[in-house]
Amino acid sequence: MTYGEALRRLIRTRGVSQAAIARAIGKSRSYVSQLASGKIEEPTLSMSYAIADALGVTVQDFLDLMHRDGH
């Protein structure tokens, strides 16, 4: 699973909007949308932590989700 796929899944399951994440991390909704769609492959490490925090998860949760099913 890609970062964008993991992000989309977490957005859906955590019930947080892209706009809310954008506000929390100080970026545009377009930036979050581009991450979620895979147009931006992965954010910087510091941005990964900020996004995870905005979603109420850890960076490890992202990694676990991305590598689930042996991928």
C-alpha atoms as a PDB file:
ATOM      1  CA  MET A   1       0.000   0.000   0.000  1.00  0.00           C
ATOM      2  CA  THR A   2       1.289   3.458  -0.837  1.00  0.00           C
ATOM      3  CA  TYR A   3       1.448   6.399   1.545  1.00  0.00           C
ATOM      4  CA  GLY A   4      -1.493   7.971  -0.281  1.00  0.00           C
ATOM      5  CA  GLU A   5      -3.599   4.825   0.057  1.00  0.00           C
ATOM      6  CA  ALA A   6      -2.772   4.612   3.761  1.00  0.00           C
ATOM      7  CA  LEU A   7      -3.619   8.290   4.189  1.00  0.00           C
ATOM      8  CA  ARG A   8      -6.974   7.869   2.434  1.00  0.00           C
ATOM      9  CA  ARG A   9      -7.818   4.874   4.585  1.00  0.00           C
ATOM     10  CA  LEU A  10      -6.902   6.677   7.808  1.00  0.00           C
ATOM     11  CA  ILE A  11      -8.862   9.771   6.778  1.00  0.00           C
ATOM     12  CA  ARG A  12     -11.898   7.578   6.190  1.00  0.00           C
ATOM     13  CA  THR A  13     -11.579   5.461   9.329  1.00  0.00           C
ATOM     14  CA  ARG A  14     -10.661   8.345  11.648  1.00  0.00           C
ATOM     15  CA  GLY A  15     -13.384  10.606  10.231  1.00  0.00           C
ATOM     16  CA  VAL A  16     -11.059  13.567   9.707  1.00  0.00           C
ATOM     17  CA  SER A  17     -11.404  15.768   6.633  1.00  0.00           C
ATOM     18  CA  GLN A  18      -8.547  16.729   4.353  1.00  0.00           C
ATOM     19  CA  ALA A  19      -9.293  20.359   5.193  1.00  0.00           C
ATOM     20  CA  ALA A  20      -8.926  19.669   8.935  1.00  0.00           C
ATOM     21  CA  ILE A  21      -5.604  17.920   8.365  1.00  0.00           C
ATOM     22  CA  ALA A  22      -4.422  20.816   6.192  1.00  0.00           C
ATOM     23  CA  ARG A  23      -5.282  23.335   8.924  1.00  0.00           C
ATOM     24  CA  ALA A  24      -3.532  21.224  11.572  1.00  0.00           C
ATOM     25  CA  ILE A  25      -0.306  20.926   9.577  1.00  0.00           C
ATOM     26  CA  GLY A  26      -0.275  24.450   8.147  1.00  0.00           C
ATOM     27  CA  LYS A  27      -0.588  23.341   4.524  1.00  0.00           C
ATOM     28  CA  SER A  28      -3.273  23.715   1.879  1.00  0.00           C
ATOM     29  CA  ARG A  29      -6.080  21.253   1.354  1.00  0.00           C
ATOM     30  CA  SER A  30      -4.637  20.808  -2.133  1.00  0.00           C
ATOM     31  CA  TYR A  31      -1.372  19.553  -0.606  1.00  0.00           C
ATOM     32  CA  VAL A  32      -3.217  16.949   1.462  1.00  0.00           C
ATOM     33  CA  SER A  33      -5.268  15.970  -1.585  1.00  0.00           C
ATOM     34  CA  GLN A  34      -2.094  15.526  -3.646  1.00  0.00           C
ATOM     35  CA  LEU A  35      -0.609  13.311  -0.915  1.00  0.00           C
ATOM     36  CA  ALA A  36      -3.781  11.235  -0.744  1.00  0.00           C
ATOM     37  CA  SER A  37      -3.924  10.834  -4.528  1.00  0.00           C
ATOM     38  CA  GLY A  38      -0.252   9.917  -4.837  1.00  0.00           C
ATOM     39  CA  LYS A  39       0.744  13.014  -6.819  1.00  0.00           C
ATOM     40  CA  ILE A  40       3.166  13.703  -3.972  1.00  0.00           C
ATOM     41  CA  GLU A  41       4.591  10.314  -3.064  1.00  0.00           C
ATOM     42  CA  GLU A  42       5.570  10.860   0.575  1.00  0.00           C
ATOM     43  CA  PRO A  43       5.989  13.871   2.806  1.00  0.00           C
ATOM     44  CA  THR A  44       9.110  14.721   4.764  1.00  0.00           C
ATOM     45  CA  LEU A  45       9.597  12.942   8.060  1.00  0.00           C
ATOM     46  CA  SER A  46       8.612  16.004  10.074  1.00  0.00           C
ATOM     47  CA  MET A  47       5.476  16.424   7.958  1.00  0.00           C
ATOM     48  CA  SER A  48       4.696  12.709   8.412  1.00  0.00           C
ATOM     49  CA  TYR A  49       4.701  13.234  12.168  1.00  0.00           C
ATOM     50  CA  ALA A  50       2.446  16.287  11.851  1.00  0.00           C
ATOM     51  CA  ILE A  51      -0.033  14.426   9.634  1.00  0.00           C
ATOM     52  CA  ALA A  52      -0.063  11.422  11.944  1.00  0.00           C
ATOM     53  CA  ASP A  53      -0.692  13.720  14.905  1.00  0.00           C
ATOM     54  CA  ALA A  54      -3.551  15.440  13.059  1.00  0.00           C
ATOM     55  CA  LEU A  55      -5.096  12.016  12.466  1.00  0.00           C
ATOM     56  CA  GLY A  56      -4.566  10.902  16.047  1.00  0.00           C
ATOM     57  CA  VAL A  57      -2.257   8.050  15.046  1.00  0.00           C
ATOM     58  CA  THR A  58       1.484   7.412  15.054  1.00  0.00           C
ATOM     59  CA  VAL A  59       3.921   7.296  12.160  1.00  0.00           C
ATOM     60  CA  GLN A  60       4.294   3.614  13.053  1.00  0.00           C
ATOM     61  CA  ASP A  61       0.553   3.195  12.375  1.00  0.00           C
ATOM     62  CA  PHE A  62       1.173   4.541   8.853  1.00  0.00           C
ATOM     63  CA  LEU A  63       4.109   2.186   8.349  1.00  0.00           C
ATOM     64  CA  ASP A  64       2.153  -0.783   9.638  1.00  0.00           C
ATOM     65  CA  LEU A  65      -0.739   0.024   7.317  1.00  0.00           C
ATOM     66  CA  MET A  66       1.565   0.531   4.342  1.00  0.00           C
ATOM     67  CA  HIS A  67       3.315  -2.794   4.922  1.00  0.00           C
ATOM     68  CA  ARG A  68       0.284  -4.849   5.827  1.00  0.00           C
ATOM     69  CA  ASP A  69      -0.260  -8.027   3.795  1.00  0.00           C
ATOM     70  CA  GLY A  70       3.458  -8.410   3.193  1.00  0.00           C
ATOM     71  CA  HIS A  71       3.820  -5.378   0.899  1.00  0.00           C
END
